[in-house]
Amino acid sequence: MSTADRPDQRDDRALLAACQQEVSAARERLEDARRRGARQEVEPLRDSLIAALEGYAAVIERTGAPLPQRLQGELRLYRGLGRH
């Protein structure tokens, strides 16, 4: 069995894909709330996006891959926006 075909790598790819979908959905919900001017929804949705991004980052780190700079930057941005 080649390295690319190991079951744990397939599982990691599936988990990464699921995390990407979760991040995408969280981004869409936050953007929708912003467009609608639903200020009371923004902070909890931002927290949900941060949680999704952190989960995605954890899976990436678990695979041994480096975290993309864009992901690191997005996490810093949203964490910083959450501080009052």
C-alpha atoms as a PDB file:
ATOM      1  CA  MET A   1       0.000   0.000   0.000  1.00  0.00           C
ATOM      2  CA  SER A   2       1.462   3.366  -0.946  1.00  0.00           C
ATOM      3  CA  THR A   3       1.789   6.162   1.578  1.00  0.00           C
ATOM      4  CA  ALA A   4      -0.965   8.144  -0.153  1.00  0.00           C
ATOM      5  CA  ASP A   5      -3.401   5.267   0.286  1.00  0.00           C
ATOM      6  CA  ARG A   6      -3.087   4.784   4.045  1.00  0.00           C
ATOM      7  CA  PRO A   7      -6.470   4.788   5.789  1.00  0.00           C
ATOM      8  CA  ASP A   8      -5.370   7.409   8.331  1.00  0.00           C
ATOM      9  CA  GLN A   9      -4.442   9.798   5.511  1.00  0.00           C
ATOM     10  CA  ARG A  10      -7.810   9.240   3.854  1.00  0.00           C
ATOM     11  CA  ASP A  11      -9.444   9.950   7.218  1.00  0.00           C
ATOM     12  CA  ASP A  12      -7.380  13.130   7.585  1.00  0.00           C
ATOM     13  CA  ARG A  13      -8.415  14.286   4.104  1.00  0.00           C
ATOM     14  CA  ALA A  14     -12.064  13.631   4.909  1.00  0.00           C
ATOM     15  CA  LEU A  15     -11.742  15.475   8.210  1.00  0.00           C
ATOM     16  CA  LEU A  16      -9.988  18.395   6.513  1.00  0.00           C
ATOM     17  CA  ALA A  17     -12.773  18.583   3.928  1.00  0.00           C
ATOM     18  CA  ALA A  18     -15.413  18.553   6.666  1.00  0.00           C
ATOM     19  CA  CYS A  19     -13.559  21.304   8.527  1.00  0.00           C
ATOM     20  CA  GLN A  20     -13.300  23.375   5.349  1.00  0.00           C
ATOM     21  CA  GLN A  21     -17.056  23.072   4.863  1.00  0.00           C
ATOM     22  CA  GLU A  22     -17.666  24.084   8.477  1.00  0.00           C
ATOM     23  CA  VAL A  23     -15.401  27.142   8.099  1.00  0.00           C
ATOM     24  CA  SER A  24     -17.098  28.107   4.841  1.00  0.00           C
ATOM     25  CA  ALA A  25     -20.568  27.825   6.386  1.00  0.00           C
ATOM     26  CA  ALA A  26     -19.481  29.854   9.436  1.00  0.00           C
ATOM     27  CA  ARG A  27     -18.059  32.569   7.169  1.00  0.00           C
ATOM     28  CA  GLU A  28     -21.304  32.685   5.175  1.00  0.00           C
ATOM     29  CA  ARG A  29     -23.448  32.973   8.332  1.00  0.00           C
ATOM     30  CA  LEU A  30     -21.284  35.811   9.660  1.00  0.00           C
ATOM     31  CA  GLU A  31     -21.310  37.653   6.337  1.00  0.00           C
ATOM     32  CA  ASP A  32     -25.085  37.248   6.074  1.00  0.00           C
ATOM     33  CA  ALA A  33     -25.589  38.726   9.553  1.00  0.00           C
ATOM     34  CA  ARG A  34     -23.346  41.659   8.655  1.00  0.00           C
ATOM     35  CA  ARG A  35     -25.256  42.306   5.411  1.00  0.00           C
ATOM     36  CA  ARG A  36     -28.571  42.255   7.260  1.00  0.00           C
ATOM     37  CA  GLY A  37     -27.215  44.617   9.919  1.00  0.00           C
ATOM     38  CA  ALA A  38     -27.941  42.051  12.635  1.00  0.00           C
ATOM     39  CA  ARG A  39     -25.386  43.386  15.098  1.00  0.00           C
ATOM     40  CA  GLN A  40     -26.572  41.234  18.000  1.00  0.00           C
ATOM     41  CA  GLU A  41     -25.803  38.121  15.933  1.00  0.00           C
ATOM     42  CA  VAL A  42     -22.318  39.128  14.803  1.00  0.00           C
ATOM     43  CA  GLU A  43     -20.363  38.394  17.986  1.00  0.00           C
ATOM     44  CA  PRO A  44     -21.718  34.857  18.534  1.00  0.00           C
ATOM     45  CA  LEU A  45     -21.273  34.103  14.833  1.00  0.00           C
ATOM     46  CA  ARG A  46     -17.714  35.440  14.974  1.00  0.00           C
ATOM     47  CA  ASP A  47     -17.080  33.133  17.937  1.00  0.00           C
ATOM     48  CA  SER A  48     -18.451  30.230  15.892  1.00  0.00           C
ATOM     49  CA  LEU A  49     -16.150  31.121  13.017  1.00  0.00           C
ATOM     50  CA  ILE A  50     -13.170  31.284  15.370  1.00  0.00           C
ATOM     51  CA  ALA A  51     -14.058  27.839  16.732  1.00  0.00           C
ATOM     52  CA  ALA A  52     -14.353  26.455  13.192  1.00  0.00           C
ATOM     53  CA  LEU A  53     -11.024  28.012  12.179  1.00  0.00           C
ATOM     54  CA  GLU A  54      -9.338  26.657  15.314  1.00  0.00           C
ATOM     55  CA  GLY A  55     -10.717  23.185  14.616  1.00  0.00           C
ATOM     56  CA  TYR A  56      -9.466  23.359  11.051  1.00  0.00           C
ATOM     57  CA  ALA A  57      -6.049  24.540  12.258  1.00  0.00           C
ATOM     58  CA  ALA A  58      -5.869  21.690  14.771  1.00  0.00           C
ATOM     59  CA  VAL A  59      -6.530  19.110  12.060  1.00  0.00           C
ATOM     60  CA  ILE A  60      -3.905  20.675   9.802  1.00  0.00           C
ATOM     61  CA  GLU A  61      -1.367  20.628  12.631  1.00  0.00           C
ATOM     62  CA  ARG A  62      -2.248  17.018  13.431  1.00  0.00           C
ATOM     63  CA  THR A  63      -1.364  16.026   9.878  1.00  0.00           C
ATOM     64  CA  GLY A  64       2.047  17.629  10.308  1.00  0.00           C
ATOM     65  CA  ALA A  65       1.434  20.225   7.624  1.00  0.00           C
ATOM     66  CA  PRO A  66       2.297  23.868   8.253  1.00  0.00           C
ATOM     67  CA  LEU A  67      -0.559  26.269   8.925  1.00  0.00           C
ATOM     68  CA  PRO A  68      -1.198  28.505   5.937  1.00  0.00           C
ATOM     69  CA  GLN A  69      -0.358  32.142   6.658  1.00  0.00           C
ATOM     70  CA  ARG A  70      -3.814  33.216   5.533  1.00  0.00           C
ATOM     71  CA  LEU A  71      -5.396  30.957   8.147  1.00  0.00           C
ATOM     72  CA  GLN A  72      -3.063  32.270  10.843  1.00  0.00           C
ATOM     73  CA  GLY A  73      -3.891  35.837   9.840  1.00  0.00           C
ATOM     74  CA  GLU A  74      -7.620  35.216   9.787  1.00  0.00           C
ATOM     75  CA  LEU A  75      -7.478  33.699  13.262  1.00  0.00           C
ATOM     76  CA  ARG A  76      -5.517  36.708  14.575  1.00  0.00           C
ATOM     77  CA  LEU A  77      -7.971  39.101  12.952  1.00  0.00           C
ATOM     78  CA  TYR A  78     -11.136  37.529  14.338  1.00  0.00           C
ATOM     79  CA  ARG A  79      -9.617  36.935  17.770  1.00  0.00           C
ATOM     80  CA  GLY A  80      -8.576  40.592  17.850  1.00  0.00           C
ATOM     81  CA  LEU A  81     -12.026  41.776  16.780  1.00  0.00           C
ATOM     82  CA  GLY A  82     -13.548  39.844  19.664  1.00  0.00           C
ATOM     83  CA  ARG A  83     -11.683  41.916  22.241  1.00  0.00           C
ATOM     84  CA  HIS A  84     -13.452  44.969  23.537  1.00  0.00           C
END
